[in-house]
Amino acid sequence: MGEGGAASRQGPETGKVADVGGGRSRREVGFRAGFHQVAGGGGGGPDRLPHGEFARGDRLALLALGNTYGMARLPDYAKYKNVEFRGDTAVVAFDNSREWIYFENGTPADNYEIAGSDHVFHKAQAWITGNRLYLRSDSVRQPVAVRYAFHDWADGDLMHDGLPVSSFRSDNW
């Protein structure tokens, strides 16, 4: 998947999972002359076309209309901004989220994970209030990191303004 894709692969020589795209969320803010089109959250797998191909095309079209042709007031996809930890709950904020974020199918999929100081990620319960994503797990009392759709070919379900939110992670380990 490379720089634009979601997320981790099994390394043949070490057997450890390597991050192949997780730094993207932290880097995409620095682009000035070009535009970064996210490919995460499209779903699919090695033997089928991701169902999110049209969503990716929509994002590219919106970038072209807004940035090349100067059209104003077009939808923009929400980007991970930061996470704040409140006790056993993580509160994720997004840039470009004028409208509310939402789960595509009304209820969250199993794309949400949270980790404590032991750096072990556990599936998290997810809910949304306005434009904030809340995560918690009974297995993590004091969270220190979160991630979303951070597996190969994850079917993303977090949406904003009709467009999928890209996979993200808050940690750098």
C-alpha atoms as a PDB file:
ATOM      1  CA  MET A   1       0.000   0.000   0.000  1.00  0.00           C
ATOM      2  CA  GLY A   2       2.894   2.407   0.549  1.00  0.00           C
ATOM      3  CA  GLU A   3       2.639   5.959   1.814  1.00  0.00           C
ATOM      4  CA  GLY A   4      -1.042   6.525   1.042  1.00  0.00           C
ATOM      5  CA  GLY A   5      -2.458   3.221   2.221  1.00  0.00           C
ATOM      6  CA  ALA A   6      -3.424   1.886   5.557  1.00  0.00           C
ATOM      7  CA  ALA A   7      -1.095   0.449   7.600  1.00  0.00           C
ATOM      8  CA  SER A   8       0.826  -2.631   8.603  1.00  0.00           C
ATOM      9  CA  ARG A   9       2.383  -5.731   7.068  1.00  0.00           C
ATOM     10  CA  GLN A  10       3.975  -8.872   8.436  1.00  0.00           C
ATOM     11  CA  GLY A  11       7.745  -8.787   7.942  1.00  0.00           C
ATOM     12  CA  PRO A  12       9.050 -12.100   6.527  1.00  0.00           C
ATOM     13  CA  GLU A  13      12.439 -11.944   8.209  1.00  0.00           C
ATOM     14  CA  THR A  14      11.315 -10.862  11.672  1.00  0.00           C
ATOM     15  CA  GLY A  15       7.698 -11.921  11.896  1.00  0.00           C
ATOM     16  CA  LYS A  16       6.901  -8.482  13.348  1.00  0.00           C
ATOM     17  CA  VAL A  17       4.337  -6.104  11.969  1.00  0.00           C
ATOM     18  CA  ALA A  18       5.906  -3.103  10.258  1.00  0.00           C
ATOM     19  CA  ASP A  19       4.289   0.302   9.811  1.00  0.00           C
ATOM     20  CA  VAL A  20       4.140   1.163   6.121  1.00  0.00           C
ATOM     21  CA  GLY A  21       1.773   4.107   6.192  1.00  0.00           C
ATOM     22  CA  GLY A  22       1.044   5.157   9.757  1.00  0.00           C
ATOM     23  CA  GLY A  23       3.152   8.308   9.699  1.00  0.00           C
ATOM     24  CA  ARG A  24       0.993   9.685   6.915  1.00  0.00           C
ATOM     25  CA  SER A  25      -1.476  11.409   9.238  1.00  0.00           C
ATOM     26  CA  ARG A  26       1.332  13.340  10.851  1.00  0.00           C
ATOM     27  CA  ARG A  27       2.936  14.260   7.505  1.00  0.00           C
ATOM     28  CA  GLU A  28       0.000  15.195   5.283  1.00  0.00           C
ATOM     29  CA  VAL A  29      -0.369  18.571   6.990  1.00  0.00           C
ATOM     30  CA  GLY A  30       3.016  19.685   5.618  1.00  0.00           C
ATOM     31  CA  PHE A  31       2.110  19.574   1.922  1.00  0.00           C
ATOM     32  CA  ARG A  32       1.956  23.025   0.303  1.00  0.00           C
ATOM     33  CA  ALA A  33       2.397  22.783  -3.476  1.00  0.00           C
ATOM     34  CA  GLY A  34       0.837  19.346  -3.857  1.00  0.00           C
ATOM     35  CA  PHE A  35      -2.082  17.576  -2.309  1.00  0.00           C
ATOM     36  CA  HIS A  36      -2.143  14.303  -0.457  1.00  0.00           C
ATOM     37  CA  GLN A  37      -5.000  11.992  -1.358  1.00  0.00           C
ATOM     38  CA  VAL A  38      -5.606   9.370   1.301  1.00  0.00           C
ATOM     39  CA  ALA A  39      -6.233   5.801   0.252  1.00  0.00           C
ATOM     40  CA  GLY A  40      -7.021   4.312   3.638  1.00  0.00           C
ATOM     41  CA  GLY A  41     -10.470   3.174   4.598  1.00  0.00           C
ATOM     42  CA  GLY A  42     -11.295   1.690   1.210  1.00  0.00           C
ATOM     43  CA  GLY A  43     -11.521  -1.917   2.262  1.00  0.00           C
ATOM     44  CA  GLY A  44     -10.952  -4.785  -0.115  1.00  0.00           C
ATOM     45  CA  GLY A  45      -8.203  -7.323  -0.073  1.00  0.00           C
ATOM     46  CA  PRO A  46      -5.502  -8.863  -2.209  1.00  0.00           C
ATOM     47  CA  ASP A  47      -8.005 -10.605  -4.482  1.00  0.00           C
ATOM     48  CA  ARG A  48     -10.723  -7.998  -4.911  1.00  0.00           C
ATOM     49  CA  LEU A  49     -11.142  -4.344  -5.801  1.00  0.00           C
ATOM     50  CA  PRO A  50     -11.787  -2.266  -2.688  1.00  0.00           C
ATOM     51  CA  HIS A  51     -15.368  -1.065  -2.409  1.00  0.00           C
ATOM     52  CA  GLY A  52     -13.991   2.399  -1.624  1.00  0.00           C
ATOM     53  CA  GLU A  53     -12.547   3.054  -5.093  1.00  0.00           C
ATOM     54  CA  PHE A  54     -15.355   5.495  -5.864  1.00  0.00           C
ATOM     55  CA  ALA A  55     -14.796   7.318  -2.570  1.00  0.00           C
ATOM     56  CA  ARG A  56     -11.117   7.738  -3.458  1.00  0.00           C
ATOM     57  CA  GLY A  57     -12.104   9.074  -6.871  1.00  0.00           C
ATOM     58  CA  ASP A  58     -14.540  11.493  -5.250  1.00  0.00           C
ATOM     59  CA  ARG A  59     -11.770  12.800  -2.986  1.00  0.00           C
ATOM     60  CA  LEU A  60      -9.452  13.340  -5.967  1.00  0.00           C
ATOM     61  CA  ALA A  61     -12.198  15.081  -7.921  1.00  0.00           C
ATOM     62  CA  LEU A  62     -12.961  17.388  -4.988  1.00  0.00           C
ATOM     63  CA  LEU A  63      -9.261  18.241  -4.614  1.00  0.00           C
ATOM     64  CA  ALA A  64      -9.070  19.095  -8.302  1.00  0.00           C
ATOM     65  CA  LEU A  65     -12.253  21.187  -8.272  1.00  0.00           C
ATOM     66  CA  GLY A  66     -11.255  23.121  -5.169  1.00  0.00           C
ATOM     67  CA  ASN A  67      -7.523  23.523  -5.599  1.00  0.00           C
ATOM     68  CA  THR A  68      -7.057  23.576  -9.359  1.00  0.00           C
ATOM     69  CA  TYR A  69     -10.292  25.209 -10.498  1.00  0.00           C
ATOM     70  CA  GLY A  70     -10.912  27.374  -7.434  1.00  0.00           C
ATOM     71  CA  MET A  71     -14.414  26.156  -6.607  1.00  0.00           C
ATOM     72  CA  ALA A  72     -15.393  27.097  -3.058  1.00  0.00           C
ATOM     73  CA  ARG A  73     -17.454  25.432  -0.321  1.00  0.00           C
ATOM     74  CA  LEU A  74     -16.785  21.860  -1.421  1.00  0.00           C
ATOM     75  CA  PRO A  75     -16.828  18.978   1.081  1.00  0.00           C
ATOM     76  CA  ASP A  76     -13.499  18.117   2.672  1.00  0.00           C
ATOM     77  CA  TYR A  77     -12.651  14.953   4.532  1.00  0.00           C
ATOM     78  CA  ALA A  78     -11.860  15.114   8.232  1.00  0.00           C
ATOM     79  CA  LYS A  79      -8.223  14.509   9.190  1.00  0.00           C
ATOM     80  CA  TYR A  80      -6.940  13.207  12.524  1.00  0.00           C
ATOM     81  CA  LYS A  81      -5.843  16.173  14.655  1.00  0.00           C
ATOM     82  CA  ASN A  82      -5.087  14.855  18.146  1.00  0.00           C
ATOM     83  CA  VAL A  83      -6.264  12.700  21.005  1.00  0.00           C
ATOM     84  CA  GLU A  84      -6.949  13.662  24.607  1.00  0.00           C
ATOM     85  CA  PHE A  85      -7.154  11.055  27.360  1.00  0.00           C
ATOM     86  CA  ARG A  86      -9.816  11.445  30.053  1.00  0.00           C
ATOM     87  CA  GLY A  87      -9.466   8.617  32.550  1.00  0.00           C
ATOM     88  CA  ASP A  88     -10.162   5.368  30.680  1.00  0.00           C
ATOM     89  CA  THR A  89     -11.511   7.132  27.575  1.00  0.00           C
ATOM     90  CA  ALA A  90      -9.739   8.586  24.562  1.00  0.00           C
ATOM     91  CA  VAL A  91     -11.299  11.596  22.814  1.00  0.00           C
ATOM     92  CA  VAL A  92     -10.174  12.019  19.203  1.00  0.00           C
ATOM     93  CA  ALA A  93     -10.451  15.397  17.453  1.00  0.00           C
ATOM     94  CA  PHE A  94     -10.290  16.090  13.727  1.00  0.00           C
ATOM     95  CA  ASP A  95      -9.288  18.976  11.453  1.00  0.00           C
ATOM     96  CA  ASN A  96     -11.671  19.983   8.647  1.00  0.00           C
ATOM     97  CA  SER A  97     -14.658  18.647  10.566  1.00  0.00           C
ATOM     98  CA  ARG A  98     -17.188  21.462  10.273  1.00  0.00           C
ATOM     99  CA  GLU A  99     -19.923  18.849  10.046  1.00  0.00           C
ATOM    100  CA  TRP A 100     -20.369  15.872  12.348  1.00  0.00           C
ATOM    101  CA  ILE A 101     -18.473  12.660  11.803  1.00  0.00           C
ATOM    102  CA  TYR A 102     -20.529   9.468  11.674  1.00  0.00           C
ATOM    103  CA  PHE A 103     -20.376   5.709  11.219  1.00  0.00           C
ATOM    104  CA  GLU A 104     -21.237   4.758   7.640  1.00  0.00           C
ATOM    105  CA  ASN A 105     -23.620   1.967   8.647  1.00  0.00           C
ATOM    106  CA  GLY A 106     -24.954   3.577  11.820  1.00  0.00           C
ATOM    107  CA  THR A 107     -22.904   1.417  14.190  1.00  0.00           C
ATOM    108  CA  PRO A 108     -19.112   1.153  14.426  1.00  0.00           C
ATOM    109  CA  ALA A 109     -17.148  -1.722  12.899  1.00  0.00           C
ATOM    110  CA  ASP A 110     -14.205  -3.296  14.730  1.00  0.00           C
ATOM    111  CA  ASN A 111     -11.641  -0.819  13.325  1.00  0.00           C
ATOM    112  CA  TYR A 112     -10.989   0.987  16.590  1.00  0.00           C
ATOM    113  CA  GLU A 113      -8.151   0.119  18.979  1.00  0.00           C
ATOM    114  CA  ILE A 114      -6.692   1.567  22.145  1.00  0.00           C
ATOM    115  CA  ALA A 115      -3.458   0.820  24.020  1.00  0.00           C
ATOM    116  CA  GLY A 116      -2.055   1.433  27.476  1.00  0.00           C
ATOM    117  CA  SER A 117       1.538   1.958  28.582  1.00  0.00           C
ATOM    118  CA  ASP A 118       2.320  -1.685  27.710  1.00  0.00           C
ATOM    119  CA  HIS A 119       1.900  -0.718  23.989  1.00  0.00           C
ATOM    120  CA  VAL A 120      -0.572  -3.569  23.391  1.00  0.00           C
ATOM    121  CA  PHE A 121      -3.604  -2.560  21.334  1.00  0.00           C
ATOM    122  CA  HIS A 122      -7.051  -3.885  22.244  1.00  0.00           C
ATOM    123  CA  LYS A 123     -10.353  -3.593  20.394  1.00  0.00           C
ATOM    124  CA  ALA A 124     -12.183  -0.508  21.579  1.00  0.00           C
ATOM    125  CA  GLN A 125     -15.785   0.463  21.955  1.00  0.00           C
ATOM    126  CA  ALA A 126     -16.427   3.532  19.804  1.00  0.00           C
ATOM    127  CA  TRP A 127     -19.076   6.230  19.910  1.00  0.00           C
ATOM    128  CA  ILE A 128     -19.440   9.717  18.506  1.00  0.00           C
ATOM    129  CA  THR A 129     -20.686  12.988  19.915  1.00  0.00           C
ATOM    130  CA  GLY A 130     -20.690  15.815  17.369  1.00  0.00           C
ATOM    131  CA  ASN A 131     -17.299  15.826  15.699  1.00  0.00           C
ATOM    132  CA  ARG A 132     -15.456  13.879  18.423  1.00  0.00           C
ATOM    133  CA  LEU A 133     -14.755  10.141  18.431  1.00  0.00           C
ATOM    134  CA  TYR A 134     -14.672   8.455  21.856  1.00  0.00           C
ATOM    135  CA  LEU A 135     -12.848   5.160  22.453  1.00  0.00           C
ATOM    136  CA  ARG A 136     -12.498   2.896  25.486  1.00  0.00           C
ATOM    137  CA  SER A 137     -11.806  -0.722  26.325  1.00  0.00           C
ATOM    138  CA  ASP A 138     -12.321  -2.758  29.481  1.00  0.00           C
ATOM    139  CA  SER A 139      -8.791  -4.116  28.876  1.00  0.00           C
ATOM    140  CA  VAL A 140      -7.130  -0.669  29.094  1.00  0.00           C
ATOM    141  CA  ARG A 141      -7.476   1.383  32.262  1.00  0.00           C
ATOM    142  CA  GLN A 142      -5.120   4.252  31.356  1.00  0.00           C
ATOM    143  CA  PRO A 143      -4.932   4.641  27.543  1.00  0.00           C
ATOM    144  CA  VAL A 144      -1.918   6.265  25.904  1.00  0.00           C
ATOM    145  CA  ALA A 145      -2.586   5.641  22.177  1.00  0.00           C
ATOM    146  CA  VAL A 146      -5.368   4.987  19.662  1.00  0.00           C
ATOM    147  CA  ARG A 147      -5.611   3.861  16.075  1.00  0.00           C
ATOM    148  CA  TYR A 148      -8.327   3.491  13.470  1.00  0.00           C
ATOM    149  CA  ALA A 149      -8.507   1.127  10.463  1.00  0.00           C
ATOM    150  CA  PHE A 150      -4.883   0.250  11.029  1.00  0.00           C
ATOM    151  CA  HIS A 151      -4.796  -3.175   9.414  1.00  0.00           C
ATOM    152  CA  ASP A 152      -4.299  -4.351   5.848  1.00  0.00           C
ATOM    153  CA  TRP A 153      -7.463  -3.938   3.788  1.00  0.00           C
ATOM    154  CA  ALA A 154      -9.563  -2.569   6.636  1.00  0.00           C
ATOM    155  CA  ASP A 155     -13.114  -1.641   5.675  1.00  0.00           C
ATOM    156  CA  GLY A 156     -13.288   1.897   6.995  1.00  0.00           C
ATOM    157  CA  ASP A 157     -16.612   3.035   8.399  1.00  0.00           C
ATOM    158  CA  LEU A 158     -15.836   6.481   9.817  1.00  0.00           C
ATOM    159  CA  MET A 159     -17.292   9.187   7.577  1.00  0.00           C
ATOM    160  CA  HIS A 160     -17.448  12.970   7.353  1.00  0.00           C
ATOM    161  CA  ASP A 161     -19.427  15.078   4.922  1.00  0.00           C
ATOM    162  CA  GLY A 162     -20.012  12.041   2.672  1.00  0.00           C
ATOM    163  CA  LEU A 163     -16.321  11.111   2.498  1.00  0.00           C
ATOM    164  CA  PRO A 164     -14.389   8.435   4.424  1.00  0.00           C
ATOM    165  CA  VAL A 165     -11.915   9.464   7.106  1.00  0.00           C
ATOM    166  CA  SER A 166      -8.416   8.114   6.488  1.00  0.00           C
ATOM    167  CA  SER A 167      -6.855   5.562   8.819  1.00  0.00           C
ATOM    168  CA  PHE A 168      -4.792   7.110  11.602  1.00  0.00           C
ATOM    169  CA  ARG A 169      -2.727   6.391  14.677  1.00  0.00           C
ATOM    170  CA  SER A 170      -1.683   8.565  17.592  1.00  0.00           C
ATOM    171  CA  ASP A 171       1.431   6.653  18.658  1.00  0.00           C
ATOM    172  CA  ASN A 172       4.914   6.648  17.113  1.00  0.00           C
ATOM    173  CA  TRP A 173       6.201   3.318  18.383  1.00  0.00           C
END
